[in-house]
PDB file of all heavy atoms in Angstrom:
ATOM      1  N   PHE A   1      69.009-159.324-193.211  1.00  0.00           N
ATOM      2  CA  PHE A   1      68.092-158.567-192.347  1.00  0.00           C
ATOM      3  C   PHE A   1      67.867-157.146-192.866  1.00  0.00           C
ATOM      4  O   PHE A   1      66.803-156.571-192.632  1.00  0.00           O
ATOM      5  CB  PHE A   1      68.619-158.542-190.903  1.00  0.00           C
ATOM      6  CG  PHE A   1      68.585-159.895-190.233  1.00  0.00           C
ATOM      7  CD1 PHE A   1      69.717-160.428-189.643  1.00  0.00           C
ATOM      8  CD2 PHE A   1      67.419-160.644-190.221  1.00  0.00           C
ATOM      9  CE1 PHE A   1      69.687-161.674-189.045  1.00  0.00           C
ATOM     10  CE2 PHE A   1      67.375-161.897-189.619  1.00  0.00           C
ATOM     11  CZ  PHE A   1      68.521-162.406-189.033  1.00  0.00           C
ATOM     12  N   ALA A   2      68.845-156.594-193.558  1.00  0.00           N
ATOM     13  CA  ALA A   2      68.662-155.269-194.167  1.00  0.00           C
ATOM     14  C   ALA A   2      67.559-155.325-195.232  1.00  0.00           C
ATOM     15  O   ALA A   2      66.708-154.432-195.321  1.00  0.00           O
ATOM     16  CB  ALA A   2      69.967-154.782-194.780  1.00  0.00           C
ATOM     17  N   LEU A   3      67.557-156.406-196.018  1.00  0.00           N
ATOM     18  CA  LEU A   3      66.505-156.585-197.024  1.00  0.00           C
ATOM     19  C   LEU A   3      65.152-156.873-196.369  1.00  0.00           C
ATOM     20  O   LEU A   3      64.114-156.367-196.803  1.00  0.00           O
ATOM     21  CB  LEU A   3      66.880-157.744-197.969  1.00  0.00           C
ATOM     22  CG  LEU A   3      68.046-157.498-198.933  1.00  0.00           C
ATOM     23  CD1 LEU A   3      68.409-158.786-199.662  1.00  0.00           C
ATOM     24  CD2 LEU A   3      67.683-156.418-199.943  1.00  0.00           C
ATOM     25  N   LYS A   4      65.184-157.676-195.338  1.00  0.00           N
ATOM     26  CA  LYS A   4      63.944-158.062-194.667  1.00  0.00           C
ATOM     27  C   LYS A   4      63.252-156.878-194.010  1.00  0.00           C
ATOM     28  O   LYS A   4      62.022-156.719-194.102  1.00  0.00           O
ATOM     29  CB  LYS A   4      64.246-159.142-193.617  1.00  0.00           C
ATOM     30  CG  LYS A   4      63.022-159.651-192.870  1.00  0.00           C
ATOM     31  CD  LYS A   4      63.420-160.741-191.890  1.00  0.00           C
ATOM     32  CE  LYS A   4      62.202-161.246-191.111  1.00  0.00           C
ATOM     33  NZ  LYS A   4      62.565-162.313-190.150  1.00  0.00           N
ATOM     34  N   TYR A   5      64.030-156.054-193.313  1.00  0.00           N
ATOM     35  CA  TYR A   5      63.443-154.920-192.572  1.00  0.00           C
ATOM     36  C   TYR A   5      63.546-153.594-193.338  1.00  0.00           C
ATOM     37  O   TYR A   5      63.220-152.535-192.794  1.00  0.00           O
ATOM     38  CB  TYR A   5      64.125-154.797-191.203  1.00  0.00           C
ATOM     39  CG  TYR A   5      63.940-156.028-190.350  1.00  0.00           C
ATOM     40  CD1 TYR A   5      65.048-156.778-189.934  1.00  0.00           C
ATOM     41  CD2 TYR A   5      62.673-156.463-189.972  1.00  0.00           C
ATOM     42  CE1 TYR A   5      64.892-157.914-189.158  1.00  0.00           C
ATOM     43  CE2 TYR A   5      62.511-157.600-189.189  1.00  0.00           C
ATOM     44  CZ  TYR A   5      63.619-158.318-188.786  1.00  0.00           C
ATOM     45  OH  TYR A   5      63.462-159.449-188.020  1.00  0.00           O
ATOM     46  N   LYS A   6      64.070-153.667-194.588  1.00  0.00           N
ATOM     47  CA  LYS A   6      64.152-152.490-195.463  1.00  0.00           C
ATOM     48  C   LYS A   6      64.889-151.330-194.801  1.00  0.00           C
ATOM     49  O   LYS A   6      64.345-150.241-194.580  1.00  0.00           O
ATOM     50  CB  LYS A   6      62.746-152.048-195.875  1.00  0.00           C
ATOM     51  CG  LYS A   6      62.018-153.120-196.675  1.00  0.00           C
ATOM     52  CD  LYS A   6      60.603-152.703-197.037  1.00  0.00           C
ATOM     53  CE  LYS A   6      59.898-153.812-197.814  1.00  0.00           C
ATOM     54  NZ  LYS A   6      58.500-153.466-198.127  1.00  0.00           N
ATOM     55  N   MET A   7      66.128-151.579-194.477  1.00  0.00           N
ATOM     56  CA  MET A   7      66.984-150.578-193.834  1.00  0.00           C
ATOM     57  C   MET A   7      68.423-150.791-194.302  1.00  0.00           C
ATOM     58  O   MET A   7      68.744-151.854-194.842  1.00  0.00           O
ATOM     59  CB  MET A   7      66.898-150.698-192.301  1.00  0.00           C
ATOM     60  CG  MET A   7      67.194-152.075-191.764  1.00  0.00           C
ATOM     61  SD  MET A   7      67.123-152.177-189.956  1.00  0.00           S
ATOM     62  CE  MET A   7      65.432-151.729-189.657  1.00  0.00           C
ATOM     63  N   PRO A   8      69.299-149.790-194.117  1.00  0.00           N
ATOM     64  CA  PRO A   8      70.693-149.930-194.554  1.00  0.00           C
ATOM     65  C   PRO A   8      71.399-151.077-193.824  1.00  0.00           C
ATOM     66  O   PRO A   8      71.083-151.391-192.678  1.00  0.00           O
ATOM     67  CB  PRO A   8      71.323-148.576-194.189  1.00  0.00           C
ATOM     68  CG  PRO A   8      70.173-147.639-194.086  1.00  0.00           C
ATOM     69  CD  PRO A   8      69.015-148.435-193.593  1.00  0.00           C
ATOM     70  N   THR A   9      72.351-151.678-194.489  1.00  0.00           N
ATOM     71  CA  THR A   9      73.105-152.801-193.910  1.00  0.00           C
ATOM     72  C   THR A   9      74.097-152.294-192.864  1.00  0.00           C
ATOM     73  O   THR A   9      74.771-151.290-193.079  1.00  0.00           O
ATOM     74  CB  THR A   9      73.880-153.547-195.012  1.00  0.00           C
ATOM     75  OG1 THR A   9      72.972-153.917-196.050  1.00  0.00           O
ATOM     76  CG2 THR A   9      74.548-154.788-194.470  1.00  0.00           C
ATOM     77  N   ILE A  10      74.191-153.002-191.752  1.00  0.00           N
ATOM     78  CA  ILE A  10      75.157-152.615-190.716  1.00  0.00           C
ATOM     79  C   ILE A  10      76.555-153.074-191.124  1.00  0.00           C
ATOM     80  O   ILE A  10      76.713-154.070-191.838  1.00  0.00           O
ATOM     81  CB  ILE A  10      74.786-153.227-189.346  1.00  0.00           C
ATOM     82  CG1 ILE A  10      74.686-154.761-189.430  1.00  0.00           C
ATOM     83  CG2 ILE A  10      73.510-152.627-188.811  1.00  0.00           C
ATOM     84  CD1 ILE A  10      74.521-155.430-188.083  1.00  0.00           C
ATOM     85  N   LYS A  11      77.568-152.327-190.670  1.00  0.00           N
ATOM     86  CA  LYS A  11      78.956-152.673-190.943  1.00  0.00           C
ATOM     87  C   LYS A  11      79.761-152.568-189.658  1.00  0.00           C
ATOM     88  O   LYS A  11      79.512-151.684-188.826  1.00  0.00           O
ATOM     89  CB  LYS A  11      79.540-151.730-191.997  1.00  0.00           C
ATOM     90  CG  LYS A  11      78.901-151.896-193.377  1.00  0.00           C
ATOM     91  CD  LYS A  11      79.540-150.963-194.385  1.00  0.00           C
ATOM     92  CE  LYS A  11      78.897-151.116-195.764  1.00  0.00           C
ATOM     93  NZ  LYS A  11      79.500-150.203-196.768  1.00  0.00           N
ATOM     94  N   LEU A  12      80.742-153.447-189.513  1.00  0.00           N
ATOM     95  CA  LEU A  12      81.580-153.460-188.320  1.00  0.00           C
ATOM     96  C   LEU A  12      82.888-152.722-188.590  1.00  0.00           C
ATOM     97  O   LEU A  12      83.434-152.786-189.696  1.00  0.00           O
ATOM     98  CB  LEU A  12      81.902-154.903-187.903  1.00  0.00           C
ATOM     99  CG  LEU A  12      80.729-155.818-187.537  1.00  0.00           C
ATOM    100  CD1 LEU A  12      81.251-157.212-187.222  1.00  0.00           C
ATOM    101  CD2 LEU A  12      79.949-155.275-186.350  1.00  0.00           C
ATOM    102  N   THR A  13      83.381-152.031-187.573  1.00  0.00           N
ATOM    103  CA  THR A  13      84.715-151.431-187.668  1.00  0.00           C
ATOM    104  C   THR A  13      85.757-152.543-187.597  1.00  0.00           C
ATOM    105  O   THR A  13      85.446-153.681-187.225  1.00  0.00           O
ATOM    106  CB  THR A  13      84.947-150.429-186.531  1.00  0.00           C
ATOM    107  OG1 THR A  13      84.905-151.146-185.277  1.00  0.00           O
ATOM    108  CG2 THR A  13      83.888-149.337-186.532  1.00  0.00           C
ATOM    109  N   ASP A  14      87.002-152.223-187.940  1.00  0.00           N
ATOM    110  CA  ASP A  14      88.066-153.236-187.926  1.00  0.00           C
ATOM    111  C   ASP A  14      88.263-153.829-186.538  1.00  0.00           C
ATOM    112  O   ASP A  14      88.473-155.047-186.391  1.00  0.00           O
ATOM    113  CB  ASP A  14      89.386-152.617-188.413  1.00  0.00           C
ATOM    114  CG  ASP A  14      89.321-152.244-189.893  1.00  0.00           C
ATOM    115  OD1 ASP A  14      88.437-152.781-190.592  1.00  0.00           O
ATOM    116  OD2 ASP A  14      90.155-151.419-190.334  1.00  0.00           O
ATOM    117  N   ASP A  15      88.213-152.961-185.503  1.00  0.00           N
ATOM    118  CA  ASP A  15      88.353-153.453-184.123  1.00  0.00           C
ATOM    119  C   ASP A  15      87.191-154.354-183.735  1.00  0.00           C
ATOM    120  O   ASP A  15      87.362-155.350-183.025  1.00  0.00           O
ATOM    121  CB  ASP A  15      88.453-152.275-183.145  1.00  0.00           C
ATOM    122  CG  ASP A  15      89.750-151.495-183.303  1.00  0.00           C
ATOM    123  OD1 ASP A  15      90.703-152.083-183.870  1.00  0.00           O
ATOM    124  OD2 ASP A  15      89.804-150.326-182.878  1.00  0.00           O
ATOM    125  N   ALA A  16      86.000-154.002-184.189  1.00  0.00           N
ATOM    126  CA  ALA A  16      84.815-154.811-183.876  1.00  0.00           C
ATOM    127  C   ALA A  16      84.896-156.183-184.539  1.00  0.00           C
ATOM    128  O   ALA A  16      84.442-157.184-183.972  1.00  0.00           O
ATOM    129  CB  ALA A  16      83.551-154.072-184.318  1.00  0.00           C
ATOM    130  N   VAL A  17      85.489-156.238-185.737  1.00  0.00           N
ATOM    131  CA  VAL A  17      85.655-157.529-186.422  1.00  0.00           C
ATOM    132  C   VAL A  17      86.558-158.442-185.607  1.00  0.00           C
ATOM    133  O   VAL A  17      86.301-159.652-185.476  1.00  0.00           O
ATOM    134  CB  VAL A  17      86.240-157.316-187.837  1.00  0.00           C
ATOM    135  CG1 VAL A  17      86.620-158.657-188.466  1.00  0.00           C
ATOM    136  CG2 VAL A  17      85.236-156.597-188.721  1.00  0.00           C
ATOM    137  N   ILE A  18      87.619-157.883-185.023  1.00  0.00           N
ATOM    138  CA  ILE A  18      88.546-158.667-184.182  1.00  0.00           C
ATOM    139  C   ILE A  18      87.814-159.221-182.964  1.00  0.00           C
ATOM    140  O   ILE A  18      87.970-160.385-182.601  1.00  0.00           O
ATOM    141  CB  ILE A  18      89.751-157.798-183.749  1.00  0.00           C
ATOM    142  CG1 ILE A  18      90.580-157.405-184.977  1.00  0.00           C
ATOM    143  CG2 ILE A  18      90.617-158.537-182.734  1.00  0.00           C
ATOM    144  CD1 ILE A  18      91.674-156.393-184.690  1.00  0.00           C
ATOM    145  N   ILE A  19      86.993-158.376-182.323  1.00  0.00           N
ATOM    146  CA  ILE A  19      86.213-158.808-181.161  1.00  0.00           C
ATOM    147  C   ILE A  19      85.228-159.900-181.569  1.00  0.00           C
ATOM    148  O   ILE A  19      85.036-160.883-180.851  1.00  0.00           O
ATOM    149  CB  ILE A  19      85.447-157.608-180.544  1.00  0.00           C
ATOM    150  CG1 ILE A  19      86.432-156.574-179.989  1.00  0.00           C
ATOM    151  CG2 ILE A  19      84.493-158.078-179.451  1.00  0.00           C
ATOM    152  CD1 ILE A  19      87.327-157.089-178.887  1.00  0.00           C
ATOM    153  N   LEU A  20      84.611-159.729-182.729  1.00  0.00           N
ATOM    154  CA  LEU A  20      83.645-160.714-183.226  1.00  0.00           C
ATOM    155  C   LEU A  20      84.298-162.088-183.386  1.00  0.00           C
ATOM    156  O   LEU A  20      83.719-163.113-183.017  1.00  0.00           O
ATOM    157  CB  LEU A  20      83.079-160.240-184.570  1.00  0.00           C
ATOM    158  CG  LEU A  20      81.927-161.059-185.153  1.00  0.00           C
ATOM    159  CD1 LEU A  20      80.620-160.680-184.465  1.00  0.00           C
ATOM    160  CD2 LEU A  20      81.803-160.835-186.655  1.00  0.00           C
ATOM    161  N   LYS A  21      85.517-162.113-183.916  1.00  0.00           N
ATOM    162  CA  LYS A  21      86.210-163.378-184.150  1.00  0.00           C
ATOM    163  C   LYS A  21      86.716-164.011-182.848  1.00  0.00           C
ATOM    164  O   LYS A  21      86.845-165.239-182.769  1.00  0.00           O
ATOM    165  CB  LYS A  21      87.394-163.148-185.097  1.00  0.00           C
ATOM    166  CG  LYS A  21      86.980-162.828-186.523  1.00  0.00           C
ATOM    167  CD  LYS A  21      88.203-162.635-187.406  1.00  0.00           C
ATOM    168  CE  LYS A  21      87.830-162.349-188.849  1.00  0.00           C
ATOM    169  NZ  LYS A  21      89.016-162.169-189.711  1.00  0.00           N
ATOM    170  N   LYS A  22      87.013-163.177-181.855  1.00  0.00           N
ATOM    171  CA  LYS A  22      87.539-163.701-180.589  1.00  0.00           C
ATOM    172  C   LYS A  22      86.458-164.275-179.692  1.00  0.00           C
ATOM    173  O   LYS A  22      86.746-165.046-178.781  1.00  0.00           O
ATOM    174  CB  LYS A  22      88.278-162.593-179.820  1.00  0.00           C
ATOM    175  CG  LYS A  22      89.654-162.285-180.366  1.00  0.00           C
ATOM    176  CD  LYS A  22      90.354-161.271-179.468  1.00  0.00           C
ATOM    177  CE  LYS A  22      91.780-161.003-179.942  1.00  0.00           C
ATOM    178  NZ  LYS A  22      92.454-160.017-179.082  1.00  0.00           N
ATOM    179  N   HIS A  23      85.210-163.890-179.933  1.00  0.00           N
ATOM    180  CA  HIS A  23      84.126-164.367-179.071  1.00  0.00           C
ATOM    181  C   HIS A  23      83.952-165.879-179.203  1.00  0.00           C
ATOM    182  O   HIS A  23      84.179-166.448-180.272  1.00  0.00           O
ATOM    183  CB  HIS A  23      82.809-163.664-179.426  1.00  0.00           C
ATOM    184  CG  HIS A  23      81.732-163.915-178.415  1.00  0.00           C
ATOM    185  ND1 HIS A  23      81.782-163.412-177.138  1.00  0.00           N
ATOM    186  CD2 HIS A  23      80.579-164.619-178.501  1.00  0.00           C
ATOM    187  CE1 HIS A  23      80.697-163.792-176.484  1.00  0.00           C
ATOM    188  NE2 HIS A  23      79.955-164.530-177.289  1.00  0.00           N
ATOM    189  N   ARG A  24      83.543-166.535-178.132  1.00  0.00           N
ATOM    190  CA  ARG A  24      83.472-167.997-178.094  1.00  0.00           C
ATOM    191  C   ARG A  24      82.282-168.549-178.888  1.00  0.00           C
ATOM    192  O   ARG A  24      82.358-169.649-179.432  1.00  0.00           O
ATOM    193  CB  ARG A  24      83.386-168.476-176.634  1.00  0.00           C
ATOM    194  CG  ARG A  24      83.477-169.979-176.516  1.00  0.00           C
ATOM    195  CD  ARG A  24      83.704-170.413-175.080  1.00  0.00           C
ATOM    196  NE  ARG A  24      83.749-171.861-174.989  1.00  0.00           N
ATOM    197  CZ  ARG A  24      84.795-172.612-175.305  1.00  0.00           C
ATOM    198  NH1 ARG A  24      85.894-172.038-175.736  1.00  0.00           N
ATOM    199  NH2 ARG A  24      84.751-173.918-175.206  1.00  0.00           N
ATOM    200  N   TRP A  25      81.169-167.868-178.949  1.00  0.00           N
ATOM    201  CA  TRP A  25      79.974-168.294-179.693  1.00  0.00           C
ATOM    202  C   TRP A  25      79.525-169.698-179.305  1.00  0.00           C
ATOM    203  O   TRP A  25      79.514-170.620-180.118  1.00  0.00           O
ATOM    204  CB  TRP A  25      80.212-168.197-181.212  1.00  0.00           C
ATOM    205  CG  TRP A  25      80.525-166.820-181.690  1.00  0.00           C
ATOM    206  CD1 TRP A  25      81.703-166.360-182.166  1.00  0.00           C
ATOM    207  CD2 TRP A  25      79.625-165.687-181.704  1.00  0.00           C
ATOM    208  NE1 TRP A  25      81.617-165.021-182.478  1.00  0.00           N
ATOM    209  CE2 TRP A  25      80.345-164.593-182.202  1.00  0.00           C
ATOM    210  CE3 TRP A  25      78.281-165.510-181.336  1.00  0.00           C
ATOM    211  CZ2 TRP A  25      79.782-163.322-182.337  1.00  0.00           C
ATOM    212  CZ3 TRP A  25      77.725-164.255-181.469  1.00  0.00           C
ATOM    213  CH2 TRP A  25      78.471-163.171-181.964  1.00  0.00           C
ATOM    214  N   ASN A  26      79.135-169.829-178.042  1.00  0.00           N
ATOM    215  CA  ASN A  26      78.662-171.130-177.554  1.00  0.00           C
ATOM    216  C   ASN A  26      77.406-171.592-178.281  1.00  0.00           C
ATOM    217  O   ASN A  26      77.159-172.791-178.395  1.00  0.00           O
ATOM    218  CB  ASN A  26      78.400-171.069-176.045  1.00  0.00           C
ATOM    219  CG  ASN A  26      79.678-170.906-175.252  1.00  0.00           C
ATOM    220  OD1 ASN A  26      80.703-171.466-175.610  1.00  0.00           O
ATOM    221  ND2 ASN A  26      79.633-170.140-174.188  1.00  0.00           N
ATOM    222  N   GLY A  27      76.586-170.631-178.749  1.00  0.00           N
ATOM    223  CA  GLY A  27      75.385-170.984-179.500  1.00  0.00           C
ATOM    224  C   GLY A  27      75.631-171.147-180.983  1.00  0.00           C
ATOM    225  O   GLY A  27      74.696-171.387-181.753  1.00  0.00           O
ATOM    226  N   ASN A  28      76.895-170.975-181.396  1.00  0.00           N
ATOM    227  CA  ASN A  28      77.340-171.166-182.785  1.00  0.00           C
ATOM    228  C   ASN A  28      76.579-170.273-183.770  1.00  0.00           C
ATOM    229  O   ASN A  28      76.304-169.118-183.454  1.00  0.00           O
ATOM    230  CB  ASN A  28      77.241-172.650-183.153  1.00  0.00           C
ATOM    231  CG  ASN A  28      78.223-173.481-182.351  1.00  0.00           C
ATOM    232  OD1 ASN A  28      79.428-173.352-182.515  1.00  0.00           O
ATOM    233  ND2 ASN A  28      77.715-174.309-181.457  1.00  0.00           N
ATOM    234  N   ILE A  29      76.229-170.796-184.948  1.00  0.00           N
ATOM    235  CA  ILE A  29      75.650-169.974-186.011  1.00  0.00           C
ATOM    236  C   ILE A  29      74.316-169.376-185.579  1.00  0.00           C
ATOM    237  O   ILE A  29      73.988-168.236-185.912  1.00  0.00           O
ATOM    238  CB  ILE A  29      75.474-170.815-187.294  1.00  0.00           C
ATOM    239  CG1 ILE A  29      76.852-171.252-187.805  1.00  0.00           C
ATOM    240  CG2 ILE A  29      74.745-170.027-188.371  1.00  0.00           C
ATOM    241  CD1 ILE A  29      76.813-172.215-188.973  1.00  0.00           C
ATOM    242  N   ARG A  30      73.549-170.127-184.798  1.00  0.00           N
ATOM    243  CA  ARG A  30      72.254-169.633-184.326  1.00  0.00           C
ATOM    244  C   ARG A  30      72.435-168.374-183.464  1.00  0.00           C
ATOM    245  O   ARG A  30      71.696-167.404-183.596  1.00  0.00           O
ATOM    246  CB  ARG A  30      71.543-170.721-183.528  1.00  0.00           C
ATOM    247  CG  ARG A  30      70.105-170.408-183.193  1.00  0.00           C
ATOM    248  CD  ARG A  30      69.459-171.549-182.448  1.00  0.00           C
ATOM    249  NE  ARG A  30      69.332-172.730-183.277  1.00  0.00           N
ATOM    250  CZ  ARG A  30      69.826-173.923-182.964  1.00  0.00           C
ATOM    251  NH1 ARG A  30      70.503-174.079-181.845  1.00  0.00           N
ATOM    252  NH2 ARG A  30      69.647-174.951-183.746  1.00  0.00           N
TER     253      ARG A  30
END
């Protein structure tokens, strides 16, 4: 999306990565 919209790539903090992995993601990859 950074390439598509021509903007800097977003990055997650270490704590945010933990939250990201703990989320259930019922909609999965989509």
